[in-house]
């Protein structure tokens, strides 16, 4: 594998590491907000006005970023029947075809996600008054990460697997 490909893979893995830590922070924040919402509603008797909405927005971001993160790690659910019954060479090309389809899906997600985010940018959320652009921005950002991870997976598959250097 060439040095440019190794450098690209290291950069994308660094982005994925940052994404993983971001997901952990989002999950912790969402958990605290939901815990406080329940505590405030049932113990104090007065619930927060923004916690449910903000938690929903964090869930959207976690879903789309988590999808890209899990894709790179090979942790998405899949049906492995066909790759398990074919030869090693054919298995390699089936995986590349799947990665290419994911690549195309990511391009569509980026293009239409960006269009959707721009279309709703003038709308605001009722309780937080956040522009709806920010929750919808998760679509193109998640698509971009899938796009970048697809390239890494294709490079690794063509070069014979993960580079150990």
Protein backbone atom coordinates (compact mmCIF):
# COMPACT_ATOMS: atom_id res chain seq x y z
CA UNK A 1 0.00 0.00 0.00
CA UNK A 2 1.34 3.42 -0.93
CA UNK A 3 2.35 6.05 1.56
CA UNK A 4 -0.48 8.36 0.43
CA UNK A 5 -3.04 5.63 1.09
CA UNK A 6 -1.53 4.91 4.53
CA UNK A 7 -1.58 8.63 5.36
CA UNK A 8 -5.21 8.91 4.22
CA UNK A 9 -6.22 5.90 6.32
CA UNK A 10 -4.43 7.30 9.39
CA UNK A 11 -6.20 10.65 8.92
CA UNK A 12 -9.62 9.04 8.58
CA UNK A 13 -8.94 6.80 11.59
CA UNK A 14 -8.07 9.93 13.57
CA UNK A 15 -11.36 11.51 12.46
CA UNK A 16 -13.15 8.31 13.51
CA UNK A 17 -11.44 8.39 16.91
CA UNK A 18 -12.65 11.97 17.39
CA UNK A 19 -16.12 10.86 16.23
CA UNK A 20 -16.11 8.05 18.80
CA UNK A 21 -15.26 10.46 21.61
CA UNK A 22 -17.89 12.89 20.36
CA UNK A 23 -20.46 10.09 20.45
CA UNK A 24 -19.49 9.32 24.04
CA UNK A 25 -19.90 12.98 25.04
CA UNK A 26 -23.26 13.19 23.25
CA UNK A 27 -24.49 10.02 24.98
CA UNK A 28 -23.38 11.29 28.39
CA UNK A 29 -25.01 14.67 27.79
CA UNK A 30 -28.21 13.07 26.59
CA UNK A 31 -28.29 10.71 29.58
CA UNK A 32 -27.81 13.58 32.02
CA UNK A 33 -30.51 15.65 30.33
CA UNK A 34 -33.02 12.79 30.36
CA UNK A 35 -32.19 11.87 33.97
CA UNK A 36 -32.63 15.49 35.02
CA UNK A 37 -35.88 15.74 33.05
CA UNK A 38 -37.33 12.72 34.86
CA UNK A 39 -36.02 13.90 38.24
CA UNK A 40 -37.37 17.42 37.75
CA UNK A 41 -40.76 16.19 36.56
CA UNK A 42 -41.44 13.57 39.24
CA UNK A 43 -39.47 14.82 42.25
CA UNK A 44 -39.40 18.59 41.91
CA UNK A 45 -42.71 18.82 40.05
CA UNK A 46 -41.43 21.22 37.41
CA UNK A 47 -39.82 19.85 34.28
CA UNK A 48 -37.27 21.50 32.03
CA UNK A 49 -38.57 23.01 28.83
CA UNK A 50 -35.61 22.28 26.59
CA UNK A 51 -34.20 18.90 27.66
CA UNK A 52 -36.46 16.66 25.59
CA UNK A 53 -35.90 18.63 22.42
CA UNK A 54 -32.14 18.86 22.89
CA UNK A 55 -31.98 15.12 23.65
CA UNK A 56 -33.86 14.43 20.44
CA UNK A 57 -31.36 16.50 18.45
CA UNK A 58 -28.46 14.70 20.13
CA UNK A 59 -30.08 11.36 19.23
CA UNK A 60 -30.24 12.39 15.57
CA UNK A 61 -26.54 13.27 15.58
CA UNK A 62 -25.63 10.09 17.47
CA UNK A 63 -27.52 7.94 14.99
CA UNK A 64 -25.88 9.38 11.90
CA UNK A 65 -22.37 9.73 13.30
CA UNK A 66 -22.66 6.34 14.98
CA UNK A 67 -23.69 4.77 11.68
CA UNK A 68 -20.51 6.06 10.02
CA UNK A 69 -18.36 5.04 13.00
CA UNK A 70 -19.82 1.53 13.11
CA UNK A 71 -19.44 1.19 9.33
CA UNK A 72 -15.68 1.76 9.56
CA UNK A 73 -15.37 -0.68 12.46
CA UNK A 74 -17.38 -3.35 10.62
CA UNK A 75 -20.02 -3.37 13.35
CA UNK A 76 -23.14 -2.72 11.28
CA UNK A 77 -25.64 -5.53 10.97
CA UNK A 78 -25.32 -7.44 7.72
CA UNK A 79 -26.22 -10.70 6.07
CA UNK A 80 -23.01 -12.61 5.41
CA UNK A 81 -24.47 -15.64 3.69
CA UNK A 82 -23.14 -14.96 0.20
CA UNK A 83 -19.60 -13.93 1.18
CA UNK A 84 -19.32 -17.00 3.42
CA UNK A 85 -20.09 -19.51 0.66
CA UNK A 86 -17.98 -18.10 -2.20
CA UNK A 87 -14.26 -18.22 -2.87
CA UNK A 88 -11.85 -15.75 -1.31
CA UNK A 89 -11.39 -13.81 -4.57
CA UNK A 90 -15.11 -13.49 -5.21
CA UNK A 91 -15.67 -12.51 -1.56
CA UNK A 92 -13.20 -9.64 -2.04
CA UNK A 93 -15.12 -8.33 -5.07
CA UNK A 94 -18.48 -8.71 -3.32
CA UNK A 95 -17.17 -6.61 -0.44
CA UNK A 96 -15.85 -3.98 -2.85
CA UNK A 97 -19.25 -3.87 -4.59
CA UNK A 98 -20.97 -3.38 -1.22
CA UNK A 99 -18.51 -0.62 -0.31
CA UNK A 100 -19.16 1.05 -3.68
CA UNK A 101 -22.92 0.95 -3.07
CA UNK A 102 -22.33 2.49 0.35
CA UNK A 103 -20.16 5.11 -1.33
CA UNK A 104 -23.02 5.99 -3.70
CA UNK A 105 -25.50 6.06 -0.81
CA UNK A 106 -23.17 8.43 1.06
CA UNK A 107 -22.98 10.79 -1.93
CA UNK A 108 -26.78 10.88 -2.11
CA UNK A 109 -26.98 11.45 1.64
CA UNK A 110 -24.54 14.36 1.46
CA UNK A 111 -26.24 16.04 -1.50
CA UNK A 112 -29.85 15.68 -0.39
CA UNK A 113 -29.00 16.09 3.31
CA UNK A 114 -27.37 19.42 2.56
CA UNK A 115 -30.37 20.49 0.48
CA UNK A 116 -32.71 19.52 3.31
CA UNK A 117 -30.61 21.31 5.94
CA UNK A 118 -30.66 24.48 3.86
CA UNK A 119 -34.39 24.15 3.20
CA UNK A 120 -35.25 24.09 6.92
CA UNK A 121 -32.64 26.63 8.03
CA UNK A 122 -35.27 29.36 8.47
CA UNK A 123 -37.29 27.21 10.88
CA UNK A 124 -36.53 27.18 14.60
CA UNK A 125 -37.18 24.57 17.25
CA UNK A 126 -39.98 25.59 19.63
CA UNK A 127 -38.28 25.40 23.02
CA UNK A 128 -34.57 25.83 22.30
CA UNK A 129 -35.04 28.32 19.43
CA UNK A 130 -32.20 26.53 17.58
CA UNK A 131 -32.31 26.73 13.81
CA UNK A 132 -33.43 23.38 12.38
CA UNK A 133 -30.36 23.60 10.14
CA UNK A 134 -28.22 22.23 13.00
CA UNK A 135 -30.11 18.97 13.63
CA UNK A 136 -30.45 18.40 9.87
CA UNK A 137 -26.74 19.04 9.34
CA UNK A 138 -26.22 15.56 10.80
CA UNK A 139 -27.37 14.09 7.45
CA UNK A 140 -24.59 15.49 5.26
CA UNK A 141 -21.95 15.16 7.99
CA UNK A 142 -22.85 11.50 8.58
CA UNK A 143 -22.90 10.96 4.82
CA UNK A 144 -19.49 12.58 4.47
CA UNK A 145 -18.04 10.27 7.12
CA UNK A 146 -19.54 7.23 5.38
CA UNK A 147 -18.08 8.52 2.10
CA UNK A 148 -14.59 8.85 3.63
CA UNK A 149 -14.85 5.49 5.40
CA UNK A 150 -15.99 3.79 2.18
CA UNK A 151 -12.82 4.94 0.46
CA UNK A 152 -10.73 3.55 3.35
CA UNK A 153 -12.53 0.21 3.23
CA UNK A 154 -12.09 -0.05 -0.54
CA UNK A 155 -8.37 0.77 -0.25
CA UNK A 156 -7.93 -1.81 2.51
CA UNK A 157 -9.83 -4.47 0.58
CA UNK A 158 -7.82 -3.86 -2.61
CA UNK A 159 -4.54 -3.90 -0.72
CA UNK A 160 -5.32 -7.12 1.15
CA UNK A 161 -6.70 -5.95 4.47
CA UNK A 162 -5.79 -3.55 7.21
CA UNK A 163 -2.29 -2.20 7.08
CA UNK A 164 -0.40 -3.16 10.25
CA UNK A 165 2.13 -0.31 10.08
